[in-house]
């Protein structure tokens, strides 16, 4: 049978026990913020490196909610977003990168989070034959990123991604031009070729668009314009043409020369 504490000792004993418990809790909390969180974060990184994304997500989420102002909060937030990016859940990843950008503005991860968010939109950009909304959004964020971080180490990647997205938009216009060519609606086809020529001269489709328009000029018997276009492609566009397109360039050129030499223009 446990003996009861004498009445006169009960209050001091309780005060002592309470004090010891508070000291123990404070000590435990301090350990959680230093050694334990470091070890916990490292375990999350280990899971991430092993492609165990669900476990990594669980660990990083634990850190964010249990130590939101701690040393590893922004690390955990960034790598939580990474777990979604790496399993192709790009919209969720964007949301998590945005959370870091908005709430942890002084974090060293902000620039990288912005870049990864931009990459996520690029990955969401569909095949050129589908709607272009996400491609336009990807371009917007790419330009925004370069405006904010013009000297970023990611600049070469951003420039490459911009060209990739622009070529996708140009390819969509090219598909429309070729459709009208098939229908022999040459003036409508020329409209799309002209849009590529005027707005996407930095893409590899610039030469193809000029060649396509030249073909329409031949079909419309507008020989002088056809000659000018073919000459421009021969001067600075040959490297961007496929073998089939190169053969077409020669065929069209021969036809233009034949027609104009006989004064049929």
C-alpha atoms as a PDB file:
ATOM      1  CA  UNK A   1       0.000   0.000   0.000  1.00  0.00           C
ATOM      2  CA  UNK A   2       1.362   3.406  -1.005  1.00  0.00           C
ATOM      3  CA  UNK A   3       1.681   5.769   1.863  1.00  0.00           C
ATOM      4  CA  UNK A   4       0.066   9.180   1.474  1.00  0.00           C
ATOM      5  CA  UNK A   5       2.225  12.303   1.522  1.00  0.00           C
ATOM      6  CA  UNK A   6       1.938  14.200   4.798  1.00  0.00           C
ATOM      7  CA  UNK A   7      -0.283  17.234   4.435  1.00  0.00           C
ATOM      8  CA  UNK A   8       2.444  19.693   5.301  1.00  0.00           C
ATOM      9  CA  UNK A   9       4.703  18.230   2.590  1.00  0.00           C
ATOM     10  CA  UNK A  10       2.049  18.005  -0.141  1.00  0.00           C
ATOM     11  CA  UNK A  11       2.276  21.628  -1.415  1.00  0.00           C
ATOM     12  CA  UNK A  12       6.107  21.917  -1.525  1.00  0.00           C
ATOM     13  CA  UNK A  13       6.318  18.466  -3.126  1.00  0.00           C
ATOM     14  CA  UNK A  14       3.781  19.395  -5.799  1.00  0.00           C
ATOM     15  CA  UNK A  15       5.580  22.660  -6.509  1.00  0.00           C
ATOM     16  CA  UNK A  16       8.873  20.792  -6.855  1.00  0.00           C
ATOM     17  CA  UNK A  17       7.371  18.122  -9.121  1.00  0.00           C
ATOM     18  CA  UNK A  18       5.625  20.774 -11.272  1.00  0.00           C
ATOM     19  CA  UNK A  19       8.847  22.742 -11.571  1.00  0.00           C
ATOM     20  CA  UNK A  20      10.779  19.652 -12.635  1.00  0.00           C
ATOM     21  CA  UNK A  21       8.101  18.807 -15.222  1.00  0.00           C
ATOM     22  CA  UNK A  22       8.219  22.350 -16.668  1.00  0.00           C
ATOM     23  CA  UNK A  23      12.010  22.200 -16.880  1.00  0.00           C
ATOM     24  CA  UNK A  24      11.777  18.792 -18.578  1.00  0.00           C
ATOM     25  CA  UNK A  25       9.195  20.068 -21.110  1.00  0.00           C
ATOM     26  CA  UNK A  26      11.270  23.158 -21.856  1.00  0.00           C
ATOM     27  CA  UNK A  27      14.311  20.950 -22.346  1.00  0.00           C
ATOM     28  CA  UNK A  28      12.359  18.624 -24.650  1.00  0.00           C
ATOM     29  CA  UNK A  29      11.051  21.582 -26.668  1.00  0.00           C
ATOM     30  CA  UNK A  30      14.588  22.927 -27.050  1.00  0.00           C
ATOM     31  CA  UNK A  31      15.791  19.514 -28.224  1.00  0.00           C
ATOM     32  CA  UNK A  32      12.929  19.385 -30.738  1.00  0.00           C
ATOM     33  CA  UNK A  33      13.964  22.705 -32.226  1.00  0.00           C
ATOM     34  CA  UNK A  34      17.636  21.880 -32.502  1.00  0.00           C
ATOM     35  CA  UNK A  35      18.836  18.310 -32.683  1.00  0.00           C
ATOM     36  CA  UNK A  36      15.541  16.549 -33.307  1.00  0.00           C
ATOM     37  CA  UNK A  37      14.363  18.814 -36.143  1.00  0.00           C
ATOM     38  CA  UNK A  38      17.730  18.539 -37.836  1.00  0.00           C
ATOM     39  CA  UNK A  39      17.546  14.762 -37.652  1.00  0.00           C
ATOM     40  CA  UNK A  40      13.905  14.811 -38.730  1.00  0.00           C
ATOM     41  CA  UNK A  41      14.682  17.006 -41.738  1.00  0.00           C
ATOM     42  CA  UNK A  42      17.572  14.743 -42.714  1.00  0.00           C
ATOM     43  CA  UNK A  43      15.277  11.733 -42.581  1.00  0.00           C
ATOM     44  CA  UNK A  44      12.921  13.556 -44.965  1.00  0.00           C
ATOM     45  CA  UNK A  45      15.812  14.214 -47.345  1.00  0.00           C
ATOM     46  CA  UNK A  46      16.817  10.566 -47.158  1.00  0.00           C
ATOM     47  CA  UNK A  47      13.285   9.551 -48.140  1.00  0.00           C
ATOM     48  CA  UNK A  48      13.341  12.083 -50.988  1.00  0.00           C
ATOM     49  CA  UNK A  49      16.639  10.771 -52.343  1.00  0.00           C
ATOM     50  CA  UNK A  50      15.208   7.251 -52.302  1.00  0.00           C
ATOM     51  CA  UNK A  51      12.117   8.463 -54.233  1.00  0.00           C
ATOM     52  CA  UNK A  52       9.888   7.638 -51.265  1.00  0.00           C
ATOM     53  CA  UNK A  53       7.843  10.775 -51.846  1.00  0.00           C
ATOM     54  CA  UNK A  54       4.935   9.962 -49.547  1.00  0.00           C
ATOM     55  CA  UNK A  55       7.229   9.458 -46.556  1.00  0.00           C
ATOM     56  CA  UNK A  56       9.192  12.592 -47.445  1.00  0.00           C
ATOM     57  CA  UNK A  57       5.955  14.566 -47.705  1.00  0.00           C
ATOM     58  CA  UNK A  58       4.914  13.302 -44.271  1.00  0.00           C
ATOM     59  CA  UNK A  59       8.202  14.355 -42.663  1.00  0.00           C
ATOM     60  CA  UNK A  60       8.361  17.809 -44.257  1.00  0.00           C
ATOM     61  CA  UNK A  61       4.728  18.512 -43.389  1.00  0.00           C
ATOM     62  CA  UNK A  62       5.440  17.523 -39.771  1.00  0.00           C
ATOM     63  CA  UNK A  63       8.281  20.058 -39.579  1.00  0.00           C
ATOM     64  CA  UNK A  64       6.230  22.857 -41.145  1.00  0.00           C
ATOM     65  CA  UNK A  65       3.325  22.449 -38.714  1.00  0.00           C
ATOM     66  CA  UNK A  66       5.313  21.658 -35.582  1.00  0.00           C
ATOM     67  CA  UNK A  67       8.139  24.170 -35.952  1.00  0.00           C
ATOM     68  CA  UNK A  68       6.882  26.856 -38.390  1.00  0.00           C
ATOM     69  CA  UNK A  69       9.426  29.466 -37.278  1.00  0.00           C
ATOM     70  CA  UNK A  70      12.314  27.056 -36.894  1.00  0.00           C
ATOM     71  CA  UNK A  71      15.590  26.813 -38.759  1.00  0.00           C
ATOM     72  CA  UNK A  72      14.309  24.066 -41.049  1.00  0.00           C
ATOM     73  CA  UNK A  73      10.855  25.485 -41.854  1.00  0.00           C
ATOM     74  CA  UNK A  74      11.767  26.973 -45.229  1.00  0.00           C
ATOM     75  CA  UNK A  75      13.883  23.941 -46.139  1.00  0.00           C
ATOM     76  CA  UNK A  76      10.934  21.700 -45.356  1.00  0.00           C
ATOM     77  CA  UNK A  77       8.529  23.929 -47.317  1.00  0.00           C
ATOM     78  CA  UNK A  78      10.741  23.914 -50.409  1.00  0.00           C
ATOM     79  CA  UNK A  79      11.325  20.176 -50.377  1.00  0.00           C
ATOM     80  CA  UNK A  80       7.660  19.501 -49.671  1.00  0.00           C
ATOM     81  CA  UNK A  81       6.957  21.269 -52.978  1.00  0.00           C
ATOM     82  CA  UNK A  82       9.697  19.165 -54.563  1.00  0.00           C
ATOM     83  CA  UNK A  83       7.982  15.936 -53.519  1.00  0.00           C
ATOM     84  CA  UNK A  84       4.947  16.972 -55.585  1.00  0.00           C
ATOM     85  CA  UNK A  85       7.035  18.227 -58.509  1.00  0.00           C
ATOM     86  CA  UNK A  86       8.971  14.973 -58.723  1.00  0.00           C
ATOM     87  CA  UNK A  87       5.804  12.886 -58.913  1.00  0.00           C
ATOM     88  CA  UNK A  88       4.387  15.153 -61.629  1.00  0.00           C
ATOM     89  CA  UNK A  89       1.708  16.739 -59.422  1.00  0.00           C
ATOM     90  CA  UNK A  90       2.636  20.120 -60.829  1.00  0.00           C
ATOM     91  CA  UNK A  91      -0.359  22.204 -59.746  1.00  0.00           C
ATOM     92  CA  UNK A  92       0.053  21.093 -56.134  1.00  0.00           C
ATOM     93  CA  UNK A  93       3.782  21.797 -56.414  1.00  0.00           C
ATOM     94  CA  UNK A  94       3.033  25.325 -57.676  1.00  0.00           C
ATOM     95  CA  UNK A  95       0.791  25.915 -54.656  1.00  0.00           C
ATOM     96  CA  UNK A  96       3.547  24.819 -52.267  1.00  0.00           C
ATOM     97  CA  UNK A  97       6.244  26.901 -53.993  1.00  0.00           C
ATOM     98  CA  UNK A  98       3.878  29.881 -53.824  1.00  0.00           C
ATOM     99  CA  UNK A  99       3.412  29.325 -50.096  1.00  0.00           C
ATOM    100  CA  UNK A 100       7.163  29.646 -49.576  1.00  0.00           C
ATOM    101  CA  UNK A 101       7.419  32.724 -51.835  1.00  0.00           C
ATOM    102  CA  UNK A 102       4.573  34.522 -50.024  1.00  0.00           C
ATOM    103  CA  UNK A 103       5.233  33.533 -46.427  1.00  0.00           C
ATOM    104  CA  UNK A 104       9.013  33.168 -46.279  1.00  0.00           C
ATOM    105  CA  UNK A 105      10.188  36.156 -48.315  1.00  0.00           C
ATOM    106  CA  UNK A 106      13.598  36.244 -46.651  1.00  0.00           C
ATOM    107  CA  UNK A 107      14.343  32.600 -47.372  1.00  0.00           C
ATOM    108  CA  UNK A 108      17.322  31.705 -49.527  1.00  0.00           C
ATOM    109  CA  UNK A 109      14.986  29.353 -51.395  1.00  0.00           C
ATOM    110  CA  UNK A 110      12.717  32.078 -52.843  1.00  0.00           C
ATOM    111  CA  UNK A 111      14.519  32.420 -56.187  1.00  0.00           C
ATOM    112  CA  UNK A 112      14.755  28.659 -56.655  1.00  0.00           C
ATOM    113  CA  UNK A 113      11.107  28.223 -55.661  1.00  0.00           C
ATOM    114  CA  UNK A 114      10.088  30.828 -58.260  1.00  0.00           C
ATOM    115  CA  UNK A 115      12.143  29.018 -60.889  1.00  0.00           C
ATOM    116  CA  UNK A 116      10.700  25.610 -60.022  1.00  0.00           C
ATOM    117  CA  UNK A 117       7.193  27.075 -60.114  1.00  0.00           C
ATOM    118  CA  UNK A 118       7.971  28.365 -63.605  1.00  0.00           C
ATOM    119  CA  UNK A 119       9.275  24.950 -64.645  1.00  0.00           C
ATOM    120  CA  UNK A 120       6.094  23.370 -63.322  1.00  0.00           C
ATOM    121  CA  UNK A 121       4.011  25.549 -65.645  1.00  0.00           C
ATOM    122  CA  UNK A 122       6.276  24.581 -68.542  1.00  0.00           C
ATOM    123  CA  UNK A 123       5.655  20.917 -67.730  1.00  0.00           C
ATOM    124  CA  UNK A 124       1.912  21.620 -67.666  1.00  0.00           C
ATOM    125  CA  UNK A 125       2.092  23.107 -71.159  1.00  0.00           C
ATOM    126  CA  UNK A 126       0.322  20.574 -73.413  1.00  0.00           C
ATOM    127  CA  UNK A 127       0.986  19.374 -76.939  1.00  0.00           C
ATOM    128  CA  UNK A 128       0.835  22.254 -79.424  1.00  0.00           C
ATOM    129  CA  UNK A 129      -2.375  20.855 -80.922  1.00  0.00           C
ATOM    130  CA  UNK A 130      -4.240  21.451 -77.650  1.00  0.00           C
ATOM    131  CA  UNK A 131      -5.289  24.663 -75.899  1.00  0.00           C
ATOM    132  CA  UNK A 132      -2.499  27.198 -75.492  1.00  0.00           C
ATOM    133  CA  UNK A 133      -3.608  28.721 -72.156  1.00  0.00           C
ATOM    134  CA  UNK A 134      -1.035  26.902 -70.026  1.00  0.00           C
ATOM    135  CA  UNK A 135       1.724  27.642 -72.550  1.00  0.00           C
ATOM    136  CA  UNK A 136       0.872  31.351 -72.348  1.00  0.00           C
ATOM    137  CA  UNK A 137       0.944  31.137 -68.554  1.00  0.00           C
ATOM    138  CA  UNK A 138       4.333  29.410 -68.641  1.00  0.00           C
ATOM    139  CA  UNK A 139       5.718  32.190 -70.848  1.00  0.00           C
ATOM    140  CA  UNK A 140       4.315  34.849 -68.519  1.00  0.00           C
ATOM    141  CA  UNK A 141       6.094  33.353 -65.514  1.00  0.00           C
ATOM    142  CA  UNK A 142       9.306  32.863 -67.488  1.00  0.00           C
ATOM    143  CA  UNK A 143       9.360  36.551 -68.420  1.00  0.00           C
ATOM    144  CA  UNK A 144       8.423  37.533 -64.842  1.00  0.00           C
ATOM    145  CA  UNK A 145      11.265  35.416 -63.499  1.00  0.00           C
ATOM    146  CA  UNK A 146      13.820  37.082 -65.774  1.00  0.00           C
ATOM    147  CA  UNK A 147      12.476  40.532 -64.871  1.00  0.00           C
ATOM    148  CA  UNK A 148      12.984  39.829 -61.171  1.00  0.00           C
ATOM    149  CA  UNK A 149      16.209  37.810 -61.485  1.00  0.00           C
ATOM    150  CA  UNK A 150      17.944  39.049 -64.668  1.00  0.00           C
ATOM    151  CA  UNK A 151      21.322  37.684 -63.538  1.00  0.00           C
ATOM    152  CA  UNK A 152      20.040  34.384 -62.213  1.00  0.00           C
ATOM    153  CA  UNK A 153      22.066  31.220 -62.654  1.00  0.00           C
ATOM    154  CA  UNK A 154      18.887  29.822 -64.203  1.00  0.00           C
ATOM    155  CA  UNK A 155      18.897  32.407 -67.012  1.00  0.00           C
ATOM    156  CA  UNK A 156      20.232  30.009 -69.694  1.00  0.00           C
ATOM    157  CA  UNK A 157      17.551  27.479 -68.723  1.00  0.00           C
ATOM    158  CA  UNK A 158      14.885  30.191 -68.767  1.00  0.00           C
ATOM    159  CA  UNK A 159      15.963  31.374 -72.226  1.00  0.00           C
ATOM    160  CA  UNK A 160      15.826  27.786 -73.508  1.00  0.00           C
ATOM    161  CA  UNK A 161      12.380  27.273 -71.989  1.00  0.00           C
ATOM    162  CA  UNK A 162      11.109  30.525 -73.536  1.00  0.00           C
ATOM    163  CA  UNK A 163      12.226  29.346 -76.963  1.00  0.00           C
ATOM    164  CA  UNK A 164      10.618  25.945 -76.322  1.00  0.00           C
ATOM    165  CA  UNK A 165       7.266  27.550 -75.434  1.00  0.00           C
ATOM    166  CA  UNK A 166       7.444  29.991 -78.347  1.00  0.00           C
ATOM    167  CA  UNK A 167       8.168  27.202 -80.804  1.00  0.00           C
ATOM    168  CA  UNK A 168       5.159  25.360 -79.455  1.00  0.00           C
ATOM    169  CA  UNK A 169       2.951  28.377 -80.170  1.00  0.00           C
ATOM    170  CA  UNK A 170       4.500  28.797 -83.608  1.00  0.00           C
ATOM    171  CA  UNK A 171       3.892  25.125 -84.363  1.00  0.00           C
ATOM    172  CA  UNK A 172       0.211  25.594 -83.576  1.00  0.00           C
ATOM    173  CA  UNK A 173       0.047  28.424 -86.119  1.00  0.00           C
ATOM    174  CA  UNK A 174       1.947  26.290 -88.611  1.00  0.00           C
ATOM    175  CA  UNK A 175      -0.630  23.509 -88.288  1.00  0.00           C
ATOM    176  CA  UNK A 176      -3.375  25.998 -89.185  1.00  0.00           C
ATOM    177  CA  UNK A 177      -1.398  27.310 -92.178  1.00  0.00           C
ATOM    178  CA  UNK A 178      -0.837  23.807 -93.533  1.00  0.00           C
ATOM    179  CA  UNK A 179      -4.504  22.949 -93.092  1.00  0.00           C
ATOM    180  CA  UNK A 180      -5.484  25.916 -95.258  1.00  0.00           C
ATOM    181  CA  UNK A 181      -2.827  24.934 -97.787  1.00  0.00           C
ATOM    182  CA  UNK A 182      -4.422  21.483 -97.989  1.00  0.00           C
ATOM    183  CA  UNK A 183      -7.778  23.158 -98.593  1.00  0.00           C
ATOM    184  CA  UNK A 184      -6.109  25.407-101.221  1.00  0.00           C
ATOM    185  CA  UNK A 185      -7.244  28.480 -99.321  1.00  0.00           C
ATOM    186  CA  UNK A 186      -3.907  30.158 -99.843  1.00  0.00           C
ATOM    187  CA  UNK A 187      -4.743  33.659 -98.608  1.00  0.00           C
ATOM    188  CA  UNK A 188      -5.865  32.201 -95.263  1.00  0.00           C
ATOM    189  CA  UNK A 189      -2.700  30.111 -95.084  1.00  0.00           C
ATOM    190  CA  UNK A 190      -0.591  33.209 -95.752  1.00  0.00           C
ATOM    191  CA  UNK A 191      -2.185  34.936 -92.756  1.00  0.00           C
ATOM    192  CA  UNK A 192      -0.792  32.239 -90.426  1.00  0.00           C
ATOM    193  CA  UNK A 193       2.581  32.128 -92.156  1.00  0.00           C
ATOM    194  CA  UNK A 194       2.836  35.912 -91.804  1.00  0.00           C
ATOM    195  CA  UNK A 195       2.038  35.694 -88.089  1.00  0.00           C
ATOM    196  CA  UNK A 196       4.933  33.272 -87.606  1.00  0.00           C
ATOM    197  CA  UNK A 197       7.258  35.425 -89.743  1.00  0.00           C
ATOM    198  CA  UNK A 198       6.397  38.587 -87.829  1.00  0.00           C
ATOM    199  CA  UNK A 199       6.137  37.253 -84.274  1.00  0.00           C
ATOM    200  CA  UNK A 200       8.294  34.113 -84.093  1.00  0.00           C
ATOM    201  CA  UNK A 201      11.424  34.919 -86.098  1.00  0.00           C
ATOM    202  CA  UNK A 202      13.555  33.564 -83.235  1.00  0.00           C
ATOM    203  CA  UNK A 203      12.231  30.030 -83.717  1.00  0.00           C
ATOM    204  CA  UNK A 204      13.299  27.295 -86.128  1.00  0.00           C
ATOM    205  CA  UNK A 205       9.897  27.551 -87.814  1.00  0.00           C
ATOM    206  CA  UNK A 206      10.783  30.975 -89.198  1.00  0.00           C
ATOM    207  CA  UNK A 207      12.426  29.425 -92.273  1.00  0.00           C
ATOM    208  CA  UNK A 208       9.607  26.916 -92.733  1.00  0.00           C
ATOM    209  CA  UNK A 209       7.015  29.700 -92.584  1.00  0.00           C
ATOM    210  CA  UNK A 210       8.824  31.715 -95.280  1.00  0.00           C
ATOM    211  CA  UNK A 211       9.092  28.610 -97.438  1.00  0.00           C
ATOM    212  CA  UNK A 212       5.396  27.873 -96.900  1.00  0.00           C
ATOM    213  CA  UNK A 213       4.421  31.395 -97.835  1.00  0.00           C
ATOM    214  CA  UNK A 214       6.664  31.221-100.914  1.00  0.00           C
ATOM    215  CA  UNK A 215       4.775  28.112-101.989  1.00  0.00           C
ATOM    216  CA  UNK A 216       1.507  30.016-101.668  1.00  0.00           C
ATOM    217  CA  UNK A 217       2.914  32.935-103.650  1.00  0.00           C
ATOM    218  CA  UNK A 218       3.792  30.477-106.430  1.00  0.00           C
ATOM    219  CA  UNK A 219       0.277  29.016-106.278  1.00  0.00           C
ATOM    220  CA  UNK A 220      -1.114  32.557-106.524  1.00  0.00           C
ATOM    221  CA  UNK A 221       1.394  33.367-109.312  1.00  0.00           C
ATOM    222  CA  UNK A 222       2.901  36.213-107.317  1.00  0.00           C
ATOM    223  CA  UNK A 223       6.371  35.481-108.619  1.00  0.00           C
ATOM    224  CA  UNK A 224       8.320  38.484-107.329  1.00  0.00           C
ATOM    225  CA  UNK A 225       7.224  37.853-103.744  1.00  0.00           C
ATOM    226  CA  UNK A 226       7.952  34.158-104.110  1.00  0.00           C
ATOM    227  CA  UNK A 227      11.469  34.911-105.402  1.00  0.00           C
ATOM    228  CA  UNK A 228      12.193  37.289-102.507  1.00  0.00           C
ATOM    229  CA  UNK A 229      11.054  34.757 -99.914  1.00  0.00           C
ATOM    230  CA  UNK A 230      12.989  31.882-101.464  1.00  0.00           C
ATOM    231  CA  UNK A 231      16.164  33.999-101.623  1.00  0.00           C
ATOM    232  CA  UNK A 232      15.817  34.955 -97.956  1.00  0.00           C
ATOM    233  CA  UNK A 233      15.441  31.298 -96.938  1.00  0.00           C
ATOM    234  CA  UNK A 234      18.449  30.313 -99.070  1.00  0.00           C
ATOM    235  CA  UNK A 235      20.557  32.995 -97.376  1.00  0.00           C
ATOM    236  CA  UNK A 236      19.753  32.395 -93.704  1.00  0.00           C
ATOM    237  CA  UNK A 237      17.310  29.519 -93.307  1.00  0.00           C
ATOM    238  CA  UNK A 238      18.794  26.393 -94.875  1.00  0.00           C
ATOM    239  CA  UNK A 239      20.105  25.042 -91.569  1.00  0.00           C
ATOM    240  CA  UNK A 240      16.561  24.966 -90.158  1.00  0.00           C
ATOM    241  CA  UNK A 241      14.992  23.106 -93.082  1.00  0.00           C
ATOM    242  CA  UNK A 242      14.438  19.352 -93.236  1.00  0.00           C
ATOM    243  CA  UNK A 243      15.742  17.441 -96.291  1.00  0.00           C
ATOM    244  CA  UNK A 244      12.209  17.361 -97.668  1.00  0.00           C
ATOM    245  CA  UNK A 245      11.851  21.114 -97.230  1.00  0.00           C
ATOM    246  CA  UNK A 246      15.241  21.720 -98.847  1.00  0.00           C
ATOM    247  CA  UNK A 247      14.085  19.740-101.900  1.00  0.00           C
ATOM    248  CA  UNK A 248      10.899  21.817-102.007  1.00  0.00           C
ATOM    249  CA  UNK A 249      12.964  25.006-101.884  1.00  0.00           C
ATOM    250  CA  UNK A 250      14.876  23.899-104.968  1.00  0.00           C
ATOM    251  CA  UNK A 251      11.715  22.830-106.785  1.00  0.00           C
ATOM    252  CA  UNK A 252       9.965  26.127-106.080  1.00  0.00           C
ATOM    253  CA  UNK A 253      13.084  28.066-107.013  1.00  0.00           C
ATOM    254  CA  UNK A 254      13.316  26.301-110.348  1.00  0.00           C
ATOM    255  CA  UNK A 255       9.650  27.026-111.061  1.00  0.00           C
ATOM    256  CA  UNK A 256      10.035  30.717-110.215  1.00  0.00           C
ATOM    257  CA  UNK A 257      13.125  31.017-112.400  1.00  0.00           C
ATOM    258  CA  UNK A 258      11.351  29.282-115.268  1.00  0.00           C
ATOM    259  CA  UNK A 259       8.265  31.468-115.014  1.00  0.00           C
ATOM    260  CA  UNK A 260      10.101  34.782-114.615  1.00  0.00           C
ATOM    261  CA  UNK A 261      12.655  34.032-117.347  1.00  0.00           C
ATOM    262  CA  UNK A 262       9.786  33.639-119.758  1.00  0.00           C
ATOM    263  CA  UNK A 263       8.219  36.913-118.497  1.00  0.00           C
ATOM    264  CA  UNK A 264       5.137  35.148-117.233  1.00  0.00           C
ATOM    265  CA  UNK A 265       4.935  37.207-114.052  1.00  0.00           C
END
